[in-house]
């Protein structure tokens, strides 16, 4: 297994929104993303035993009706990346184990806002 694709029907907030949250709201947001990633994995019925302990490339695409400032996208995805680590899709969120890329685009007509996450092995 070289690549995992996850689609989550929710949007990560902007860094500005997260910065204004109190610690309890931040904990709720963290738990929310843990459950969303767990649910997206469960729908795919993946065998993570084949998923090797190696450096991964993670591409996060935020698909929304409104674009946010590009520099706010990565910070808003902190709990999403933490959830990937929690589910053992990445070994750690340090540079040694993962290369993160973030992008965004506007939704197409009739498309629901969502997050697209692609996790690929870099060692093969």
PDB file of N, CA and C in Angstrom:
ATOM      1  N   UNK A   1       0.855  -1.171   0.000  1.00  0.00           N
ATOM      2  CA  UNK A   1       0.000   0.000   0.000  1.00  0.00           C
ATOM      3  C   UNK A   1       0.899   1.230   0.000  1.00  0.00           C
ATOM      4  N   UNK A   2       0.828   2.035  -1.033  1.00  0.00           N
ATOM      5  CA  UNK A   2       1.689   3.199  -1.152  1.00  0.00           C
ATOM      6  C   UNK A   2       0.977   4.520  -0.889  1.00  0.00           C
ATOM      7  N   UNK A   3      -0.338   4.557  -1.080  1.00  0.00           N
ATOM      8  CA  UNK A   3      -1.077   5.803  -0.951  1.00  0.00           C
ATOM      9  C   UNK A   3      -2.418   5.568  -0.269  1.00  0.00           C
ATOM     10  N   UNK A   4      -2.774   6.503   0.600  1.00  0.00           N
ATOM     11  CA  UNK A   4      -4.096   6.510   1.231  1.00  0.00           C
ATOM     12  C   UNK A   4      -4.735   7.853   0.907  1.00  0.00           C
ATOM     13  N   UNK A   5      -5.990   7.818   0.460  1.00  0.00           N
ATOM     14  CA  UNK A   5      -6.760   9.033   0.185  1.00  0.00           C
ATOM     15  C   UNK A   5      -7.931   9.100   1.146  1.00  0.00           C
ATOM     16  N   UNK A   6      -8.051  10.216   1.833  1.00  0.00           N
ATOM     17  CA  UNK A   6      -9.169  10.432   2.751  1.00  0.00           C
ATOM     18  C   UNK A   6      -9.945  11.664   2.303  1.00  0.00           C
ATOM     19  N   UNK A   7     -11.256  11.581   2.322  1.00  0.00           N
ATOM     20  CA  UNK A   7     -12.132  12.721   2.065  1.00  0.00           C
ATOM     21  C   UNK A   7     -12.986  12.926   3.304  1.00  0.00           C
ATOM     22  N   UNK A   8     -12.956  14.142   3.830  1.00  0.00           N
ATOM     23  CA  UNK A   8     -13.681  14.450   5.048  1.00  0.00           C
ATOM     24  C   UNK A   8     -14.606  15.630   4.773  1.00  0.00           C
ATOM     25  N   UNK A   9     -15.892  15.448   5.050  1.00  0.00           N
ATOM     26  CA  UNK A   9     -16.896  16.486   4.786  1.00  0.00           C
ATOM     27  C   UNK A   9     -16.956  17.520   5.905  1.00  0.00           C
ATOM     28  N   UNK A  10     -15.827  18.146   6.157  1.00  0.00           N
ATOM     29  CA  UNK A  10     -15.722  19.233   7.136  1.00  0.00           C
ATOM     30  C   UNK A  10     -14.527  20.073   6.712  1.00  0.00           C
ATOM     31  N   UNK A  11     -14.447  21.289   7.232  1.00  0.00           N
ATOM     32  CA  UNK A  11     -13.340  22.173   6.888  1.00  0.00           C
ATOM     33  C   UNK A  11     -12.521  22.526   8.127  1.00  0.00           C
ATOM     34  N   UNK A  12     -11.227  22.564   7.960  1.00  0.00           N
ATOM     35  CA  UNK A  12     -10.373  23.065   9.029  1.00  0.00           C
ATOM     36  C   UNK A  12     -10.562  24.575   9.110  1.00  0.00           C
ATOM     37  N   UNK A  13     -10.485  25.121  10.310  1.00  0.00           N
ATOM     38  CA  UNK A  13     -10.644  26.568  10.439  1.00  0.00           C
ATOM     39  C   UNK A  13      -9.369  27.308  10.048  1.00  0.00           C
ATOM     40  N   UNK A  14      -9.496  28.579   9.878  1.00  0.00           N
ATOM     41  CA  UNK A  14      -8.348  29.446   9.648  1.00  0.00           C
ATOM     42  C   UNK A  14      -7.549  29.562  10.947  1.00  0.00           C
ATOM     43  N   UNK A  15      -6.274  29.851  10.833  1.00  0.00           N
ATOM     44  CA  UNK A  15      -5.442  30.074  12.008  1.00  0.00           C
ATOM     45  C   UNK A  15      -6.025  31.186  12.877  1.00  0.00           C
ATOM     46  N   UNK A  16      -6.577  32.222  12.253  1.00  0.00           N
ATOM     47  CA  UNK A  16      -7.157  33.337  13.005  1.00  0.00           C
ATOM     48  C   UNK A  16      -8.289  32.871  13.914  1.00  0.00           C
ATOM     49  N   UNK A  17      -9.096  31.943  13.436  1.00  0.00           N
ATOM     50  CA  UNK A  17     -10.203  31.415  14.239  1.00  0.00           C
ATOM     51  C   UNK A  17      -9.649  30.609  15.415  1.00  0.00           C
ATOM     52  N   UNK A  18      -8.672  29.765  15.150  1.00  0.00           N
ATOM     53  CA  UNK A  18      -8.086  28.930  16.201  1.00  0.00           C
ATOM     54  C   UNK A  18      -7.410  29.795  17.258  1.00  0.00           C
ATOM     55  N   UNK A  19      -6.715  30.823  16.831  1.00  0.00           N
ATOM     56  CA  UNK A  19      -6.020  31.705  17.777  1.00  0.00           C
ATOM     57  C   UNK A  19      -6.977  32.367  18.769  1.00  0.00           C
ATOM     58  N   UNK A  20      -8.208  32.618  18.355  1.00  0.00           N
ATOM     59  CA  UNK A  20      -9.179  33.279  19.234  1.00  0.00           C
ATOM     60  C   UNK A  20      -9.948  32.312  20.129  1.00  0.00           C
ATOM     61  N   UNK A  21      -9.750  31.011  19.957  1.00  0.00           N
ATOM     62  CA  UNK A  21     -10.466  30.016  20.768  1.00  0.00           C
ATOM     63  C   UNK A  21      -9.852  29.902  22.158  1.00  0.00           C
ATOM     64  N   UNK A  22     -10.705  29.611  23.143  1.00  0.00           N
ATOM     65  CA  UNK A  22     -10.165  29.291  24.460  1.00  0.00           C
ATOM     66  C   UNK A  22      -9.695  27.837  24.452  1.00  0.00           C
ATOM     67  N   UNK A  23      -9.012  27.424  25.491  1.00  0.00           N
ATOM     68  CA  UNK A  23      -8.400  26.089  25.475  1.00  0.00           C
ATOM     69  C   UNK A  23      -9.421  24.965  25.399  1.00  0.00           C
ATOM     70  N   UNK A  24     -10.617  25.163  25.955  1.00  0.00           N
ATOM     71  CA  UNK A  24     -11.637  24.120  25.912  1.00  0.00           C
ATOM     72  C   UNK A  24     -12.157  23.923  24.491  1.00  0.00           C
ATOM     73  N   UNK A  25     -12.348  25.015  23.782  1.00  0.00           N
ATOM     74  CA  UNK A  25     -12.788  24.932  22.377  1.00  0.00           C
ATOM     75  C   UNK A  25     -11.705  24.270  21.516  1.00  0.00           C
ATOM     76  N   UNK A  26     -10.454  24.572  21.822  1.00  0.00           N
ATOM     77  CA  UNK A  26      -9.357  23.933  21.087  1.00  0.00           C
ATOM     78  C   UNK A  26      -9.336  22.432  21.337  1.00  0.00           C
ATOM     79  N   UNK A  27      -9.609  22.021  22.566  1.00  0.00           N
ATOM     80  CA  UNK A  27      -9.664  20.588  22.878  1.00  0.00           C
ATOM     81  C   UNK A  27     -10.829  19.922  22.144  1.00  0.00           C
ATOM     82  N   UNK A  28     -11.965  20.611  22.063  1.00  0.00           N
ATOM     83  CA  UNK A  28     -13.108  20.085  21.306  1.00  0.00           C
ATOM     84  C   UNK A  28     -12.764  19.949  19.831  1.00  0.00           C
ATOM     85  N   UNK A  29     -12.085  20.941  19.282  1.00  0.00           N
ATOM     86  CA  UNK A  29     -11.681  20.909  17.880  1.00  0.00           C
ATOM     87  C   UNK A  29     -10.722  19.745  17.617  1.00  0.00           C
ATOM     88  N   UNK A  30      -9.770  19.553  18.530  1.00  0.00           N
ATOM     89  CA  UNK A  30      -8.829  18.429  18.406  1.00  0.00           C
ATOM     90  C   UNK A  30      -9.579  17.099  18.376  1.00  0.00           C
ATOM     91  N   UNK A  31     -10.483  16.913  19.329  1.00  0.00           N
ATOM     92  CA  UNK A  31     -11.247  15.668  19.392  1.00  0.00           C
ATOM     93  C   UNK A  31     -12.139  15.498  18.164  1.00  0.00           C
ATOM     94  N   UNK A  32     -12.716  16.574  17.675  1.00  0.00           N
ATOM     95  CA  UNK A  32     -13.551  16.548  16.475  1.00  0.00           C
ATOM     96  C   UNK A  32     -12.762  15.989  15.291  1.00  0.00           C
ATOM     97  N   UNK A  33     -11.537  16.480  15.094  1.00  0.00           N
ATOM     98  CA  UNK A  33     -10.731  16.009  13.969  1.00  0.00           C
ATOM     99  C   UNK A  33     -10.231  14.589  14.185  1.00  0.00           C
ATOM    100  N   UNK A  34      -9.969  14.201  15.423  1.00  0.00           N
ATOM    101  CA  UNK A  34      -9.603  12.801  15.685  1.00  0.00           C
ATOM    102  C   UNK A  34     -10.719  11.879  15.226  1.00  0.00           C
ATOM    103  N   UNK A  35     -11.965  12.208  15.561  1.00  0.00           N
ATOM    104  CA  UNK A  35     -13.094  11.368  15.181  1.00  0.00           C
ATOM    105  C   UNK A  35     -13.372  11.399  13.682  1.00  0.00           C
ATOM    106  N   UNK A  36     -13.192  12.555  13.060  1.00  0.00           N
ATOM    107  CA  UNK A  36     -13.401  12.631  11.607  1.00  0.00           C
ATOM    108  C   UNK A  36     -12.402  11.754  10.851  1.00  0.00           C
ATOM    109  N   UNK A  37     -11.137  11.791  11.258  1.00  0.00           N
ATOM    110  CA  UNK A  37     -10.123  10.954  10.594  1.00  0.00           C
ATOM    111  C   UNK A  37     -10.398   9.478  10.868  1.00  0.00           C
ATOM    112  N   UNK A  38     -10.726   9.148  12.094  1.00  0.00           N
ATOM    113  CA  UNK A  38     -11.053   7.759  12.439  1.00  0.00           C
ATOM    114  C   UNK A  38     -12.232   7.262  11.596  1.00  0.00           C
ATOM    115  N   UNK A  39     -13.254   8.106  11.429  1.00  0.00           N
ATOM    116  CA  UNK A  39     -14.409   7.730  10.626  1.00  0.00           C
ATOM    117  C   UNK A  39     -14.062   7.560   9.159  1.00  0.00           C
ATOM    118  N   UNK A  40     -13.246   8.453   8.620  1.00  0.00           N
ATOM    119  CA  UNK A  40     -12.839   8.349   7.214  1.00  0.00           C
ATOM    120  C   UNK A  40     -12.023   7.078   6.985  1.00  0.00           C
ATOM    121  N   UNK A  41     -11.199   6.709   7.937  1.00  0.00           N
ATOM    122  CA  UNK A  41     -10.418   5.468   7.828  1.00  0.00           C
ATOM    123  C   UNK A  41     -11.320   4.246   7.896  1.00  0.00           C
ATOM    124  N   UNK A  42     -12.293   4.286   8.803  1.00  0.00           N
ATOM    125  CA  UNK A  42     -13.200   3.160   8.983  1.00  0.00           C
ATOM    126  C   UNK A  42     -14.018   2.855   7.752  1.00  0.00           C
ATOM    127  N   UNK A  43     -14.385   3.886   7.013  1.00  0.00           N
ATOM    128  CA  UNK A  43     -15.163   3.689   5.779  1.00  0.00           C
ATOM    129  C   UNK A  43     -14.346   2.982   4.704  1.00  0.00           C
ATOM    130  N   UNK A  44     -13.018   3.122   4.769  1.00  0.00           N
ATOM    131  CA  UNK A  44     -12.173   2.528   3.728  1.00  0.00           C
ATOM    132  C   UNK A  44     -11.740   1.105   4.053  1.00  0.00           C
ATOM    133  N   UNK A  45     -11.871   0.684   5.294  1.00  0.00           N
ATOM    134  CA  UNK A  45     -11.466  -0.657   5.723  1.00  0.00           C
ATOM    135  C   UNK A  45     -10.022  -0.950   5.311  1.00  0.00           C
ATOM    136  N   UNK A  46      -9.107  -0.085   5.702  1.00  0.00           N
ATOM    137  CA  UNK A  46      -7.703  -0.224   5.346  1.00  0.00           C
ATOM    138  C   UNK A  46      -6.994  -1.203   6.261  1.00  0.00           C
ATOM    139  N   UNK A  47      -6.033  -1.913   5.709  1.00  0.00           N
ATOM    140  CA  UNK A  47      -5.177  -2.787   6.502  1.00  0.00           C
ATOM    141  C   UNK A  47      -3.889  -2.032   6.800  1.00  0.00           C
ATOM    142  N   UNK A  48      -3.842  -1.380   7.943  1.00  0.00           N
ATOM    143  CA  UNK A  48      -2.685  -0.557   8.279  1.00  0.00           C
ATOM    144  C   UNK A  48      -1.472  -1.391   8.670  1.00  0.00           C
ATOM    145  N   UNK A  49      -1.637  -2.715   8.780  1.00  0.00           N
ATOM    146  CA  UNK A  49      -0.489  -3.579   9.059  1.00  0.00           C
ATOM    147  C   UNK A  49       0.515  -3.526   7.896  1.00  0.00           C
ATOM    148  N   UNK A  50       0.020  -3.235   6.707  1.00  0.00           N
ATOM    149  CA  UNK A  50       0.891  -3.128   5.532  1.00  0.00           C
ATOM    150  C   UNK A  50       1.528  -1.745   5.429  1.00  0.00           C
ATOM    151  N   UNK A  51       1.070  -0.810   6.228  1.00  0.00           N
ATOM    152  CA  UNK A  51       1.534   0.575   6.192  1.00  0.00           C
ATOM    153  C   UNK A  51       2.844   0.651   6.946  1.00  0.00           C
ATOM    154  N   UNK A  52       3.931   0.896   6.247  1.00  0.00           N
ATOM    155  CA  UNK A  52       5.266   0.843   6.828  1.00  0.00           C
ATOM    156  C   UNK A  52       5.610   2.077   7.656  1.00  0.00           C
ATOM    157  N   UNK A  53       6.550   1.872   8.568  1.00  0.00           N
ATOM    158  CA  UNK A  53       7.085   2.965   9.390  1.00  0.00           C
ATOM    159  C   UNK A  53       8.174   3.648   8.567  1.00  0.00           C
ATOM    160  N   UNK A  54       7.790   4.665   7.816  1.00  0.00           N
ATOM    161  CA  UNK A  54       8.712   5.367   6.931  1.00  0.00           C
ATOM    162  C   UNK A  54       8.252   6.803   6.731  1.00  0.00           C
ATOM    163  N   UNK A  55       9.079   7.588   6.077  1.00  0.00           N
ATOM    164  CA  UNK A  55       8.755   8.981   5.818  1.00  0.00           C
ATOM    165  C   UNK A  55       7.596   9.068   4.826  1.00  0.00           C
ATOM    166  N   UNK A  56       6.622   9.922   5.158  1.00  0.00           N
ATOM    167  CA  UNK A  56       5.440  10.064   4.321  1.00  0.00           C
ATOM    168  C   UNK A  56       5.332  11.486   3.779  1.00  0.00           C
ATOM    169  N   UNK A  57       4.641  11.605   2.673  1.00  0.00           N
ATOM    170  CA  UNK A  57       4.272  12.889   2.097  1.00  0.00           C
ATOM    171  C   UNK A  57       2.776  13.053   2.315  1.00  0.00           C
ATOM    172  N   UNK A  58       2.376  14.182   2.894  1.00  0.00           N
ATOM    173  CA  UNK A  58       0.958  14.445   3.145  1.00  0.00           C
ATOM    174  C   UNK A  58       0.557  15.700   2.384  1.00  0.00           C
ATOM    175  N   UNK A  59      -0.425  15.550   1.514  1.00  0.00           N
ATOM    176  CA  UNK A  59      -0.988  16.690   0.791  1.00  0.00           C
ATOM    177  C   UNK A  59      -2.397  16.913   1.318  1.00  0.00           C
ATOM    178  N   UNK A  60      -2.644  18.106   1.824  1.00  0.00           N
ATOM    179  CA  UNK A  60      -3.955  18.473   2.348  1.00  0.00           C
ATOM    180  C   UNK A  60      -4.537  19.540   1.425  1.00  0.00           C
ATOM    181  N   UNK A  61      -5.707  19.244   0.867  1.00  0.00           N
ATOM    182  CA  UNK A  61      -6.403  20.183  -0.009  1.00  0.00           C
ATOM    183  C   UNK A  61      -7.701  20.604   0.669  1.00  0.00           C
ATOM    184  N   UNK A  62      -7.827  21.884   0.920  1.00  0.00           N
ATOM    185  CA  UNK A  62      -9.028  22.457   1.536  1.00  0.00           C
ATOM    186  C   UNK A  62      -9.925  22.961   0.410  1.00  0.00           C
ATOM    187  N   UNK A  63     -11.096  22.364   0.261  1.00  0.00           N
ATOM    188  CA  UNK A  63     -12.035  22.720  -0.808  1.00  0.00           C
ATOM    189  C   UNK A  63     -13.212  23.430  -0.166  1.00  0.00           C
ATOM    190  N   UNK A  64     -13.335  24.735  -0.434  1.00  0.00           N
ATOM    191  CA  UNK A  64     -14.316  25.559   0.253  1.00  0.00           C
ATOM    192  C   UNK A  64     -14.973  26.551  -0.706  1.00  0.00           C
ATOM    193  N   UNK A  65     -16.112  27.076  -0.283  1.00  0.00           N
ATOM    194  CA  UNK A  65     -16.782  28.098  -1.085  1.00  0.00           C
ATOM    195  C   UNK A  65     -16.035  29.422  -1.016  1.00  0.00           C
ATOM    196  N   UNK A  66     -15.263  29.616   0.045  1.00  0.00           N
ATOM    197  CA  UNK A  66     -14.502  30.842   0.228  1.00  0.00           C
ATOM    198  C   UNK A  66     -13.053  30.494   0.557  1.00  0.00           C
ATOM    199  N   UNK A  67     -12.117  31.090  -0.166  1.00  0.00           N
ATOM    200  CA  UNK A  67     -10.708  30.845   0.110  1.00  0.00           C
ATOM    201  C   UNK A  67     -10.269  31.707   1.292  1.00  0.00           C
ATOM    202  N   UNK A  68      -9.360  31.158   2.087  1.00  0.00           N
ATOM    203  CA  UNK A  68      -8.786  31.918   3.190  1.00  0.00           C
ATOM    204  C   UNK A  68      -7.347  32.264   2.818  1.00  0.00           C
ATOM    205  N   UNK A  69      -6.721  33.102   3.600  1.00  0.00           N
ATOM    206  CA  UNK A  69      -5.340  33.482   3.351  1.00  0.00           C
ATOM    207  C   UNK A  69      -4.466  32.222   3.347  1.00  0.00           C
ATOM    208  N   UNK A  70      -3.615  32.076   2.335  1.00  0.00           N
ATOM    209  CA  UNK A  70      -2.795  30.867   2.186  1.00  0.00           C
ATOM    210  C   UNK A  70      -1.946  30.550   3.418  1.00  0.00           C
ATOM    211  N   UNK A  71      -1.459  31.580   4.104  1.00  0.00           N
ATOM    212  CA  UNK A  71      -0.615  31.331   5.269  1.00  0.00           C
ATOM    213  C   UNK A  71      -1.411  30.830   6.471  1.00  0.00           C
ATOM    214  N   UNK A  72      -2.741  30.953   6.451  1.00  0.00           N
ATOM    215  CA  UNK A  72      -3.578  30.468   7.543  1.00  0.00           C
ATOM    216  C   UNK A  72      -4.003  29.013   7.389  1.00  0.00           C
ATOM    217  N   UNK A  73      -3.848  28.459   6.198  1.00  0.00           N
ATOM    218  CA  UNK A  73      -4.287  27.084   5.959  1.00  0.00           C
ATOM    219  C   UNK A  73      -3.469  26.077   6.771  1.00  0.00           C
ATOM    220  N   UNK A  74      -2.126  26.083   6.713  1.00  0.00           N
ATOM    221  CA  UNK A  74      -1.360  25.066   7.460  1.00  0.00           C
ATOM    222  C   UNK A  74      -1.614  25.099   8.965  1.00  0.00           C
ATOM    223  N   UNK A  75      -1.680  26.280   9.551  1.00  0.00           N
ATOM    224  CA  UNK A  75      -1.900  26.375  10.994  1.00  0.00           C
ATOM    225  C   UNK A  75      -3.275  25.865  11.391  1.00  0.00           C
ATOM    226  N   UNK A  76      -4.260  26.081  10.537  1.00  0.00           N
ATOM    227  CA  UNK A  76      -5.600  25.579  10.814  1.00  0.00           C
ATOM    228  C   UNK A  76      -5.705  24.068  10.717  1.00  0.00           C
ATOM    229  N   UNK A  77      -4.724  23.440  10.076  1.00  0.00           N
ATOM    230  CA  UNK A  77      -4.726  21.983   9.895  1.00  0.00           C
ATOM    231  C   UNK A  77      -3.956  21.234  10.990  1.00  0.00           C
ATOM    232  N   UNK A  78      -3.524  21.937  12.029  1.00  0.00           N
ATOM    233  CA  UNK A  78      -2.716  21.312  13.072  1.00  0.00           C
ATOM    234  C   UNK A  78      -3.394  20.073  13.656  1.00  0.00           C
ATOM    235  N   UNK A  79      -4.665  20.181  14.016  1.00  0.00           N
ATOM    236  CA  UNK A  79      -5.345  19.048  14.646  1.00  0.00           C
ATOM    237  C   UNK A  79      -5.618  17.921  13.645  1.00  0.00           C
ATOM    238  N   UNK A  80      -5.758  18.252  12.387  1.00  0.00           N
ATOM    239  CA  UNK A  80      -5.888  17.230  11.351  1.00  0.00           C
ATOM    240  C   UNK A  80      -4.598  16.414  11.262  1.00  0.00           C
ATOM    241  N   UNK A  81      -3.453  17.087  11.223  1.00  0.00           N
ATOM    242  CA  UNK A  81      -2.168  16.391  11.164  1.00  0.00           C
ATOM    243  C   UNK A  81      -1.951  15.568  12.436  1.00  0.00           C
ATOM    244  N   UNK A  82      -2.313  16.133  13.585  1.00  0.00           N
ATOM    245  CA  UNK A  82      -2.210  15.385  14.844  1.00  0.00           C
ATOM    246  C   UNK A  82      -3.076  14.129  14.815  1.00  0.00           C
ATOM    247  N   UNK A  83      -4.245  14.215  14.193  1.00  0.00           N
ATOM    248  CA  UNK A  83      -5.127  13.052  14.082  1.00  0.00           C
ATOM    249  C   UNK A  83      -4.515  11.973  13.193  1.00  0.00           C
ATOM    250  N   UNK A  84      -3.810  12.375  12.137  1.00  0.00           N
ATOM    251  CA  UNK A  84      -3.129  11.399  11.278  1.00  0.00           C
ATOM    252  C   UNK A  84      -2.066  10.650  12.080  1.00  0.00           C
ATOM    253  N   UNK A  85      -1.366  11.369  12.943  1.00  0.00           N
ATOM    254  CA  UNK A  85      -0.369  10.749  13.817  1.00  0.00           C
ATOM    255  C   UNK A  85      -1.056   9.826  14.818  1.00  0.00           C
ATOM    256  N   UNK A  86      -2.153  10.285  15.403  1.00  0.00           N
ATOM    257  CA  UNK A  86      -2.890   9.503  16.391  1.00  0.00           C
ATOM    258  C   UNK A  86      -3.387   8.176  15.799  1.00  0.00           C
ATOM    259  N   UNK A  87      -3.750   8.182  14.529  1.00  0.00           N
ATOM    260  CA  UNK A  87      -4.233   6.971  13.846  1.00  0.00           C
ATOM    261  C   UNK A  87      -3.108   6.169  13.199  1.00  0.00           C
ATOM    262  N   UNK A  88      -1.861   6.585  13.455  1.00  0.00           N
ATOM    263  CA  UNK A  88      -0.663   5.893  12.974  1.00  0.00           C
ATOM    264  C   UNK A  88      -0.538   5.883  11.442  1.00  0.00           C
ATOM    265  N   UNK A  89      -1.101   6.907  10.804  1.00  0.00           N
ATOM    266  CA  UNK A  89      -0.926   7.065   9.363  1.00  0.00           C
ATOM    267  C   UNK A  89       0.418   7.714   9.067  1.00  0.00           C
ATOM    268  N   UNK A  90       0.919   8.481  10.030  1.00  0.00           N
ATOM    269  CA  UNK A  90       2.277   9.012   9.974  1.00  0.00           C
ATOM    270  C   UNK A  90       2.936   8.677  11.308  1.00  0.00           C
ATOM    271  N   UNK A  91       4.247   8.476  11.297  1.00  0.00           N
ATOM    272  CA  UNK A  91       4.961   8.099  12.519  1.00  0.00           C
ATOM    273  C   UNK A  91       4.958   9.257  13.508  1.00  0.00           C
ATOM    274  N   UNK A  92       5.280  10.427  13.010  1.00  0.00           N
ATOM    275  CA  UNK A  92       5.358  11.621  13.840  1.00  0.00           C
ATOM    276  C   UNK A  92       5.143  12.821  12.923  1.00  0.00           C
ATOM    277  N   UNK A  93       4.833  13.967  13.505  1.00  0.00           N
ATOM    278  CA  UNK A  93       4.631  15.148  12.663  1.00  0.00           C
ATOM    279  C   UNK A  93       5.904  15.973  12.520  1.00  0.00           C
ATOM    280  N   UNK A  94       7.041  15.378  12.870  1.00  0.00           N
ATOM    281  CA  UNK A  94       8.331  16.056  12.710  1.00  0.00           C
ATOM    282  C   UNK A  94       8.820  15.925  11.268  1.00  0.00           C
ATOM    283  N   UNK A  95       9.723  16.776  10.904  1.00  0.00           N
ATOM    284  CA  UNK A  95      10.281  16.803   9.541  1.00  0.00           C
ATOM    285  C   UNK A  95      10.964  15.481   9.177  1.00  0.00           C
ATOM    286  N   UNK A  96      11.448  14.761  10.167  1.00  0.00           N
ATOM    287  CA  UNK A  96      12.099  13.467   9.916  1.00  0.00           C
ATOM    288  C   UNK A  96      11.115  12.463   9.303  1.00  0.00           C
ATOM    289  N   UNK A  97       9.847  12.557   9.667  1.00  0.00           N
ATOM    290  CA  UNK A  97       8.880  11.538   9.280  1.00  0.00           C
ATOM    291  C   UNK A  97       7.815  11.982   8.284  1.00  0.00           C
ATOM    292  N   UNK A  98       7.652  13.279   8.076  1.00  0.00           N
ATOM    293  CA  UNK A  98       6.570  13.708   7.183  1.00  0.00           C
ATOM    294  C   UNK A  98       6.927  15.021   6.489  1.00  0.00           C
ATOM    295  N   UNK A  99       6.489  15.137   5.235  1.00  0.00           N
ATOM    296  CA  UNK A  99       6.577  16.382   4.473  1.00  0.00           C
ATOM    297  C   UNK A  99       5.155  16.795   4.150  1.00  0.00           C
ATOM    298  N   UNK A 100       4.708  17.870   4.770  1.00  0.00           N
ATOM    299  CA  UNK A 100       3.339  18.352   4.586  1.00  0.00           C
ATOM    300  C   UNK A 100       3.266  19.403   3.487  1.00  0.00           C
ATOM    301  N   UNK A 101       2.217  19.322   2.698  1.00  0.00           N
ATOM    302  CA  UNK A 101       1.905  20.342   1.696  1.00  0.00           C
ATOM    303  C   UNK A 101       0.433  20.711   1.863  1.00  0.00           C
ATOM    304  N   UNK A 102       0.152  21.989   1.748  1.00  0.00           N
ATOM    305  CA  UNK A 102      -1.213  22.477   1.934  1.00  0.00           C
ATOM    306  C   UNK A 102      -1.609  23.319   0.735  1.00  0.00           C
ATOM    307  N   UNK A 103      -2.860  23.140   0.304  1.00  0.00           N
ATOM    308  CA  UNK A 103      -3.384  23.931  -0.798  1.00  0.00           C
ATOM    309  C   UNK A 103      -4.880  24.108  -0.570  1.00  0.00           C
ATOM    310  N   UNK A 104      -5.487  24.935  -1.387  1.00  0.00           N
ATOM    311  CA  UNK A 104      -6.926  25.141  -1.301  1.00  0.00           C
ATOM    312  C   UNK A 104      -7.460  25.508  -2.673  1.00  0.00           C
ATOM    313  N   UNK A 105      -8.734  25.249  -2.846  1.00  0.00           N
ATOM    314  CA  UNK A 105      -9.425  25.660  -4.064  1.00  0.00           C
ATOM    315  C   UNK A 105     -10.884  25.895  -3.742  1.00  0.00           C
ATOM    316  N   UNK A 106     -11.546  26.643  -4.630  1.00  0.00           N
ATOM    317  CA  UNK A 106     -12.978  26.883  -4.463  1.00  0.00           C
ATOM    318  C   UNK A 106     -13.762  25.660  -4.929  1.00  0.00           C
ATOM    319  N   UNK A 107     -14.917  25.464  -4.321  1.00  0.00           N
ATOM    320  CA  UNK A 107     -15.776  24.359  -4.726  1.00  0.00           C
ATOM    321  C   UNK A 107     -16.316  24.596  -6.128  1.00  0.00           C
ATOM    322  N   UNK A 108     -16.562  23.509  -6.822  1.00  0.00           N
ATOM    323  CA  UNK A 108     -17.261  23.575  -8.104  1.00  0.00           C
ATOM    324  C   UNK A 108     -18.755  23.681  -7.820  1.00  0.00           C
ATOM    325  N   UNK A 109     -19.534  24.010  -8.825  1.00  0.00           N
ATOM    326  CA  UNK A 109     -20.981  24.140  -8.657  1.00  0.00           C
ATOM    327  C   UNK A 109     -21.561  22.810  -8.148  1.00  0.00           C
ATOM    328  N   UNK A 110     -22.282  22.872  -7.048  1.00  0.00           N
ATOM    329  CA  UNK A 110     -22.911  21.680  -6.476  1.00  0.00           C
ATOM    330  C   UNK A 110     -21.989  20.839  -5.604  1.00  0.00           C
ATOM    331  N   UNK A 111     -20.745  21.220  -5.477  1.00  0.00           N
ATOM    332  CA  UNK A 111     -19.785  20.453  -4.681  1.00  0.00           C
ATOM    333  C   UNK A 111     -19.860  20.879  -3.212  1.00  0.00           C
ATOM    334  N   UNK A 112     -19.810  19.915  -2.329  1.00  0.00           N
ATOM    335  CA  UNK A 112     -19.857  20.181  -0.887  1.00  0.00           C
ATOM    336  C   UNK A 112     -18.451  20.503  -0.398  1.00  0.00           C
ATOM    337  N   UNK A 113     -18.289  21.530   0.448  1.00  0.00           N
ATOM    338  CA  UNK A 113     -16.973  21.825   1.016  1.00  0.00           C
ATOM    339  C   UNK A 113     -16.424  20.618   1.782  1.00  0.00           C
ATOM    340  N   UNK A 114     -15.142  20.361   1.629  1.00  0.00           N
ATOM    341  CA  UNK A 114     -14.530  19.190   2.252  1.00  0.00           C
ATOM    342  C   UNK A 114     -13.012  19.311   2.278  1.00  0.00           C
ATOM    343  N   UNK A 115     -12.378  18.338   2.894  1.00  0.00           N
ATOM    344  CA  UNK A 115     -10.923  18.233   2.930  1.00  0.00           C
ATOM    345  C   UNK A 115     -10.533  16.958   2.195  1.00  0.00           C
ATOM    346  N   UNK A 116      -9.500  17.060   1.358  1.00  0.00           N
ATOM    347  CA  UNK A 116      -8.941  15.895   0.680  1.00  0.00           C
ATOM    348  C   UNK A 116      -7.523  15.713   1.196  1.00  0.00           C
ATOM    349  N   UNK A 117      -7.239  14.534   1.724  1.00  0.00           N
ATOM    350  CA  UNK A 117      -5.922  14.245   2.288  1.00  0.00           C
ATOM    351  C   UNK A 117      -5.329  13.068   1.536  1.00  0.00           C
ATOM    352  N   UNK A 118      -4.134  13.236   1.017  1.00  0.00           N
ATOM    353  CA  UNK A 118      -3.420  12.171   0.328  1.00  0.00           C
ATOM    354  C   UNK A 118      -2.115  11.909   1.069  1.00  0.00           C
ATOM    355  N   UNK A 119      -1.938  10.675   1.507  1.00  0.00           N
ATOM    356  CA  UNK A 119      -0.741  10.280   2.248  1.00  0.00           C
ATOM    357  C   UNK A 119      -0.004   9.252   1.399  1.00  0.00           C
ATOM    358  N   UNK A 120       1.253   9.539   1.084  1.00  0.00           N
ATOM    359  CA  UNK A 120       2.051   8.670   0.217  1.00  0.00           C
ATOM    360  C   UNK A 120       3.389   8.364   0.860  1.00  0.00           C
ATOM    361  N   UNK A 121       3.913   7.210   0.533  1.00  0.00           N
ATOM    362  CA  UNK A 121       5.246   6.823   0.989  1.00  0.00           C
ATOM    363  C   UNK A 121       6.283   7.586   0.182  1.00  0.00           C
ATOM    364  N   UNK A 122       7.314   8.086   0.860  1.00  0.00           N
ATOM    365  CA  UNK A 122       8.402   8.770   0.172  1.00  0.00           C
ATOM    366  C   UNK A 122       9.614   7.861  -0.028  1.00  0.00           C
ATOM    367  N   UNK A 123       9.619   6.718   0.624  1.00  0.00           N
ATOM    368  CA  UNK A 123      10.776   5.851   0.598  1.00  0.00           C
ATOM    369  C   UNK A 123      10.776   4.831  -0.537  1.00  0.00           C
ATOM    370  N   UNK A 124       9.722   4.833  -1.336  1.00  0.00           N
ATOM    371  CA  UNK A 124       9.680   3.844  -2.437  1.00  0.00           C
ATOM    372  C   UNK A 124       9.893   4.506  -3.770  1.00  0.00           C
TER     373      UNK A 124
END
